[in-house]
Structure formats: structure tokens, C-alpha cells
Amino acid sequence: MNKAHMGYFEKDDVLHLAISDEPEVSSVELSPNITVELNNKGELIGIEILNASAFVRDSIMESVQAKILKFPIAA
């Protein structure tokens, strides 16, 4: 059975989100620090975020600032 799970590797500051336990066949770099992992059908099975602490901090701060300044947040 496929179960979603998350792992954080503090030493390397890497966050790994897995939505399937299927083997990774390929990956696509979405940005310099974000890579998606794909199965043999090209379906998303995981996401890896490098420099995760800065990514999460910056994402949260951006949302908080937008709410404080009443800017619309992109979905």
C-alpha cells in the first residue's frame, strides 16, 4: 500500500515528501532547490526540497506579509 510520508534530514537541510512508495524512474528540477520525482508512468511520487529551512521560512513570511498588507495570495 502506498502511504504518504515526510522526512527531514537536518544535517543536509533536505525535506523529502513522498506520496508513493513506487520506485523513482526520473526526476524534474522545478527550480534550483526543488525537484519532483516521477514513477515509470511519469506520475508524481515525491518532492525533494534542498535548503528546506530557508524555503519554508521564506514561504511562510511571504504569506504573512501578503496577509498583513492585504495583497492577494496566488494559489
N, C-alpha and C. Protein backbone atom coordinates (compact mmCIF):
# COMPACT_ATOMS: atom_id res chain seq x y z
N MET A 1 0.84 -1.18 0.00
CA MET A 1 0.00 0.00 0.00
C MET A 1 0.89 1.24 0.00
N ASN A 2 0.50 2.24 -0.77
CA ASN A 2 1.24 3.50 -0.83
C ASN A 2 0.76 4.42 0.28
N LYS A 3 1.71 4.92 1.05
CA LYS A 3 1.38 5.87 2.11
C LYS A 3 2.27 7.08 1.97
N ALA A 4 1.67 8.25 2.10
CA ALA A 4 2.44 9.48 2.06
C ALA A 4 3.23 9.62 3.35
N HIS A 5 4.45 10.11 3.22
CA HIS A 5 5.26 10.38 4.39
C HIS A 5 6.27 11.48 4.09
N MET A 6 6.78 12.08 5.16
CA MET A 6 7.71 13.18 5.03
C MET A 6 8.94 12.88 5.88
N GLY A 7 10.08 13.26 5.37
CA GLY A 7 11.31 13.12 6.12
C GLY A 7 12.14 14.39 6.02
N TYR A 8 12.70 14.79 7.15
CA TYR A 8 13.59 15.96 7.15
C TYR A 8 14.97 15.51 7.59
N PHE A 9 15.97 15.83 6.80
CA PHE A 9 17.34 15.46 7.08
C PHE A 9 18.09 16.72 7.49
N GLU A 10 18.14 16.92 8.81
CA GLU A 10 18.65 18.17 9.38
C GLU A 10 20.08 18.48 8.95
N LYS A 11 20.94 17.48 8.97
CA LYS A 11 22.35 17.70 8.62
C LYS A 11 22.50 18.32 7.24
N ASP A 12 21.69 17.85 6.27
CA ASP A 12 21.77 18.36 4.90
C ASP A 12 20.71 19.41 4.59
N ASP A 13 19.81 19.67 5.54
CA ASP A 13 18.70 20.62 5.38
C ASP A 13 17.86 20.28 4.14
N VAL A 14 17.45 19.00 4.08
CA VAL A 14 16.66 18.50 2.95
C VAL A 14 15.33 17.99 3.47
N LEU A 15 14.26 18.42 2.83
CA LEU A 15 12.91 17.94 3.14
C LEU A 15 12.47 17.05 1.99
N HIS A 16 12.03 15.84 2.33
CA HIS A 16 11.58 14.91 1.30
C HIS A 16 10.13 14.54 1.59
N LEU A 17 9.26 14.79 0.62
CA LEU A 17 7.85 14.46 0.72
C LEU A 17 7.57 13.34 -0.28
N ALA A 18 7.12 12.21 0.22
CA ALA A 18 6.81 11.07 -0.65
C ALA A 18 5.32 10.81 -0.60
N ILE A 19 4.70 10.68 -1.77
CA ILE A 19 3.27 10.37 -1.81
C ILE A 19 3.03 8.95 -2.29
N SER A 20 4.11 8.26 -2.60
CA SER A 20 4.02 6.88 -3.06
C SER A 20 5.32 6.16 -2.72
N ASP A 21 5.24 4.86 -2.54
CA ASP A 21 6.45 4.09 -2.29
C ASP A 21 6.96 3.41 -3.58
N GLU A 22 6.40 3.84 -4.71
CA GLU A 22 6.86 3.32 -6.00
C GLU A 22 8.29 3.76 -6.26
N PRO A 23 9.04 3.01 -7.06
CA PRO A 23 10.41 3.41 -7.37
C PRO A 23 10.45 4.66 -8.26
N GLU A 24 11.44 5.49 -8.00
CA GLU A 24 11.66 6.68 -8.81
C GLU A 24 12.36 6.27 -10.10
N VAL A 25 11.80 6.70 -11.23
CA VAL A 25 12.39 6.39 -12.53
C VAL A 25 13.07 7.62 -13.11
N SER A 26 12.52 8.79 -12.82
CA SER A 26 13.12 10.02 -13.31
C SER A 26 12.76 11.15 -12.37
N SER A 27 13.36 12.30 -12.63
CA SER A 27 13.06 13.48 -11.82
C SER A 27 13.14 14.72 -12.70
N VAL A 28 12.49 15.78 -12.24
CA VAL A 28 12.48 17.05 -12.96
C VAL A 28 12.79 18.15 -11.95
N GLU A 29 13.78 18.98 -12.28
CA GLU A 29 14.12 20.10 -11.42
C GLU A 29 13.17 21.26 -11.73
N LEU A 30 12.33 21.62 -10.75
CA LEU A 30 11.39 22.72 -10.94
C LEU A 30 12.04 24.07 -10.74
N SER A 31 12.97 24.13 -9.82
CA SER A 31 13.75 25.33 -9.54
C SER A 31 15.08 24.85 -8.97
N PRO A 32 16.02 25.76 -8.73
CA PRO A 32 17.33 25.29 -8.26
C PRO A 32 17.30 24.42 -7.00
N ASN A 33 16.30 24.53 -6.16
CA ASN A 33 16.27 23.75 -4.92
C ASN A 33 15.08 22.80 -4.80
N ILE A 34 14.28 22.68 -5.84
CA ILE A 34 13.09 21.83 -5.77
C ILE A 34 13.09 20.85 -6.94
N THR A 35 13.02 19.56 -6.59
CA THR A 35 13.00 18.51 -7.60
C THR A 35 11.79 17.62 -7.35
N VAL A 36 11.07 17.29 -8.42
CA VAL A 36 9.97 16.33 -8.29
C VAL A 36 10.44 14.99 -8.83
N GLU A 37 9.97 13.94 -8.16
CA GLU A 37 10.33 12.58 -8.54
C GLU A 37 9.14 11.92 -9.22
N LEU A 38 9.41 11.16 -10.27
CA LEU A 38 8.36 10.56 -11.09
C LEU A 38 8.51 9.05 -11.16
N ASN A 39 7.38 8.36 -11.31
CA ASN A 39 7.40 6.91 -11.48
C ASN A 39 7.53 6.58 -12.98
N ASN A 40 7.39 5.32 -13.33
CA ASN A 40 7.56 4.92 -14.73
C ASN A 40 6.44 5.38 -15.65
N LYS A 41 5.33 5.88 -15.08
CA LYS A 41 4.22 6.43 -15.87
C LYS A 41 4.31 7.95 -15.97
N GLY A 42 5.35 8.54 -15.37
CA GLY A 42 5.51 10.00 -15.36
C GLY A 42 4.66 10.68 -14.31
N GLU A 43 4.17 9.90 -13.35
CA GLU A 43 3.33 10.46 -12.29
C GLU A 43 4.19 10.90 -11.10
N LEU A 44 3.76 11.95 -10.45
CA LEU A 44 4.46 12.48 -9.29
C LEU A 44 4.41 11.48 -8.14
N ILE A 45 5.58 11.16 -7.60
CA ILE A 45 5.63 10.27 -6.44
C ILE A 45 6.36 10.90 -5.26
N GLY A 46 7.03 12.04 -5.50
CA GLY A 46 7.74 12.69 -4.40
C GLY A 46 8.28 14.05 -4.78
N ILE A 47 8.64 14.79 -3.73
CA ILE A 47 9.23 16.12 -3.91
C ILE A 47 10.41 16.23 -2.95
N GLU A 48 11.52 16.76 -3.45
CA GLU A 48 12.68 16.99 -2.61
C GLU A 48 12.99 18.48 -2.62
N ILE A 49 13.16 19.05 -1.42
CA ILE A 49 13.45 20.47 -1.28
C ILE A 49 14.79 20.62 -0.57
N LEU A 50 15.77 21.20 -1.28
CA LEU A 50 17.07 21.50 -0.70
C LEU A 50 17.00 22.85 0.01
N ASN A 51 17.85 23.07 0.99
CA ASN A 51 17.81 24.30 1.79
C ASN A 51 16.40 24.53 2.31
N ALA A 52 15.83 23.46 2.84
CA ALA A 52 14.42 23.43 3.22
C ALA A 52 14.06 24.45 4.29
N SER A 53 14.93 24.67 5.27
CA SER A 53 14.57 25.61 6.34
C SER A 53 14.37 27.02 5.79
N ALA A 54 15.23 27.46 4.88
CA ALA A 54 15.08 28.78 4.27
C ALA A 54 13.84 28.82 3.38
N PHE A 55 13.58 27.75 2.64
CA PHE A 55 12.42 27.70 1.76
C PHE A 55 11.12 27.83 2.55
N VAL A 56 11.01 27.05 3.63
CA VAL A 56 9.79 27.09 4.45
C VAL A 56 9.66 28.46 5.12
N ARG A 57 10.76 28.96 5.69
CA ARG A 57 10.74 30.29 6.33
C ARG A 57 10.29 31.36 5.34
N ASP A 58 10.89 31.39 4.17
CA ASP A 58 10.57 32.41 3.19
C ASP A 58 9.13 32.28 2.69
N SER A 59 8.65 31.05 2.50
CA SER A 59 7.27 30.83 2.04
C SER A 59 6.27 31.33 3.07
N ILE A 60 6.53 31.03 4.33
CA ILE A 60 5.63 31.48 5.40
C ILE A 60 5.67 32.99 5.53
N MET A 61 6.86 33.58 5.49
CA MET A 61 6.98 35.04 5.61
C MET A 61 6.27 35.74 4.46
N GLU A 62 6.38 35.20 3.27
CA GLU A 62 5.72 35.79 2.11
C GLU A 62 4.20 35.79 2.30
N SER A 63 3.66 34.70 2.79
CA SER A 63 2.21 34.61 3.03
C SER A 63 1.77 35.55 4.13
N VAL A 64 2.55 35.62 5.21
CA VAL A 64 2.21 36.51 6.33
C VAL A 64 2.25 37.96 5.86
N GLN A 65 3.29 38.34 5.14
CA GLN A 65 3.40 39.71 4.65
C GLN A 65 2.24 40.05 3.72
N ALA A 66 1.86 39.14 2.86
CA ALA A 66 0.75 39.38 1.94
C ALA A 66 -0.54 39.59 2.71
N LYS A 67 -0.77 38.80 3.76
CA LYS A 67 -1.99 38.97 4.56
C LYS A 67 -1.98 40.29 5.31
N ILE A 68 -0.85 40.65 5.88
CA ILE A 68 -0.74 41.91 6.62
C ILE A 68 -0.98 43.09 5.69
N LEU A 69 -0.41 43.02 4.50
CA LEU A 69 -0.56 44.11 3.54
C LEU A 69 -1.80 43.98 2.68
N LYS A 70 -2.56 42.90 2.91
CA LYS A 70 -3.81 42.62 2.19
C LYS A 70 -3.62 42.48 0.69
N PHE A 71 -2.49 41.85 0.31
CA PHE A 71 -2.26 41.51 -1.09
C PHE A 71 -2.91 40.17 -1.37
N PRO A 72 -3.45 39.99 -2.55
CA PRO A 72 -3.98 38.66 -2.88
C PRO A 72 -2.86 37.65 -2.96
N ILE A 73 -3.08 36.47 -2.43
CA ILE A 73 -2.08 35.40 -2.45
C ILE A 73 -2.39 34.50 -3.64
N ALA A 74 -1.36 34.27 -4.48
CA ALA A 74 -1.54 33.41 -5.64
C ALA A 74 -1.76 31.98 -5.19
N ALA A 75 -2.67 31.30 -5.84
CA ALA A 75 -2.97 29.90 -5.49
C ALA A 75 -2.06 28.97 -6.21
